Protein backbone atom coordinates (compact mmCIF):
# COMPACT_ATOMS: atom_id res chain seq x y z
CA MET A 1 28.97 -26.69 -164.01
CA GLY A 2 26.29 -26.25 -161.34
CA SER A 3 23.71 -23.56 -160.77
CA LEU A 4 23.42 -21.08 -157.93
CA GLN A 5 20.67 -23.23 -156.47
CA ASP A 6 22.97 -26.28 -156.51
CA THR A 7 25.75 -24.31 -154.84
CA ALA A 8 23.36 -22.93 -152.24
CA ALA A 9 22.08 -26.41 -151.40
CA GLU A 10 25.64 -27.75 -151.11
CA ASN A 11 26.56 -24.95 -148.68
CA ASN A 12 23.36 -25.21 -146.62
CA PHE A 13 22.03 -21.73 -147.31
CA MET A 14 19.03 -20.53 -149.23
CA CYS A 15 19.08 -17.97 -152.01
CA PRO A 16 16.83 -15.04 -151.06
CA PRO A 17 13.58 -14.77 -152.98
CA SER A 18 13.51 -12.39 -155.90
CA LEU A 19 11.98 -9.08 -154.87
CA LEU A 20 11.58 -7.80 -158.42
CA ASP A 21 10.09 -9.97 -161.08
CA PRO A 22 12.01 -10.14 -164.38
CA GLU A 23 9.41 -8.25 -166.41
CA GLU A 24 9.28 -5.40 -163.89
CA PHE A 25 13.08 -5.32 -163.84
CA ARG A 26 13.08 -5.11 -167.66
CA ARG A 27 10.50 -2.29 -167.63
CA GLN A 28 12.47 -0.27 -165.08
CA ALA A 29 15.80 -0.93 -166.82
CA HIS A 30 14.33 0.36 -170.09
CA LYS A 31 13.21 3.54 -168.30
CA MET A 32 16.74 4.03 -166.97
CA VAL A 33 18.28 3.51 -170.42
CA ASP A 34 15.75 5.92 -171.95
CA PHE A 35 16.61 8.51 -169.26
CA ILE A 36 20.35 8.21 -169.98
CA ALA A 37 19.83 8.28 -173.76
CA GLU A 38 17.65 11.39 -173.46
CA TYR A 39 20.31 13.04 -171.29
CA TYR A 40 23.00 12.38 -173.90
CA HIS A 41 20.68 13.40 -176.72
CA ASN A 42 20.16 16.79 -175.04
CA ILE A 43 23.60 17.24 -173.49
CA ASP A 44 24.31 20.27 -175.70
CA LYS A 45 21.39 22.07 -174.04
CA TYR A 46 22.96 21.89 -170.57
CA PRO A 47 25.32 24.59 -169.34
CA VAL A 48 28.97 23.56 -169.31
CA LEU A 49 29.55 24.60 -165.72
CA SER A 50 27.56 23.72 -162.61
CA GLN A 51 24.74 26.17 -161.94
CA VAL A 52 24.55 25.66 -158.19
CA SER A 53 26.52 26.68 -155.11
CA PRO A 54 28.79 24.19 -153.35
CA GLY A 55 26.84 22.26 -150.73
CA TYR A 56 23.42 22.96 -152.23
CA LEU A 57 22.54 19.29 -152.33
CA ARG A 58 23.22 18.76 -148.62
CA ASP A 59 20.24 20.95 -147.76
CA LEU A 60 17.98 18.89 -150.03
CA LEU A 61 18.88 15.51 -148.57
CA PRO A 62 16.80 13.99 -145.77
CA ASP A 63 18.48 13.13 -142.47
CA SER A 64 18.10 9.41 -143.17
CA ALA A 65 17.35 7.05 -146.02
CA PRO A 66 13.67 6.40 -146.76
CA ALA A 67 12.08 3.50 -144.89
CA ALA A 68 10.32 2.28 -148.03
CA ALA A 69 11.46 2.06 -151.62
CA GLU A 70 10.62 4.98 -153.89
CA PRO A 71 9.36 4.53 -157.45
CA LEU A 72 12.00 4.77 -160.17
CA GLU A 73 10.13 7.74 -161.65
CA ALA A 74 10.63 9.72 -158.41
CA ILE A 75 14.33 8.87 -158.35
CA LEU A 76 14.83 9.88 -161.99
CA HIS A 77 12.93 13.11 -161.31
CA ASP A 78 15.28 13.89 -158.42
CA VAL A 79 18.31 13.14 -160.60
CA HIS A 80 17.04 15.49 -163.31
CA GLU A 81 15.99 18.28 -160.95
CA HIS A 82 18.70 18.13 -158.30
CA LEU A 83 21.78 16.25 -159.52
CA ILE A 84 22.13 17.29 -163.16
CA PRO A 85 22.17 21.05 -162.37
CA GLY A 86 25.24 20.38 -160.21
CA LEU A 87 27.18 18.61 -162.96
CA THR A 88 29.98 20.12 -164.96
CA HIS A 89 29.52 18.93 -168.52
């Protein structure tokens, strides 16, 4: 059984370089798991029904995706502040 590198060489294409080193990936993945675990730990504190009007999120979204990556902390903050209030639990 070969590796991805072997397969890439056989097919004349290069695997793209890793943009996120394994330790940084591990750190960010742990933050995501902690966020989800905290959400489930506190799920009884959220209202059962959505607390927002239909379409509220559309007004909060930018016209286009960001040109540069945002930190995971900013994304998780947006999820907590803007997405979770729109959930029905």
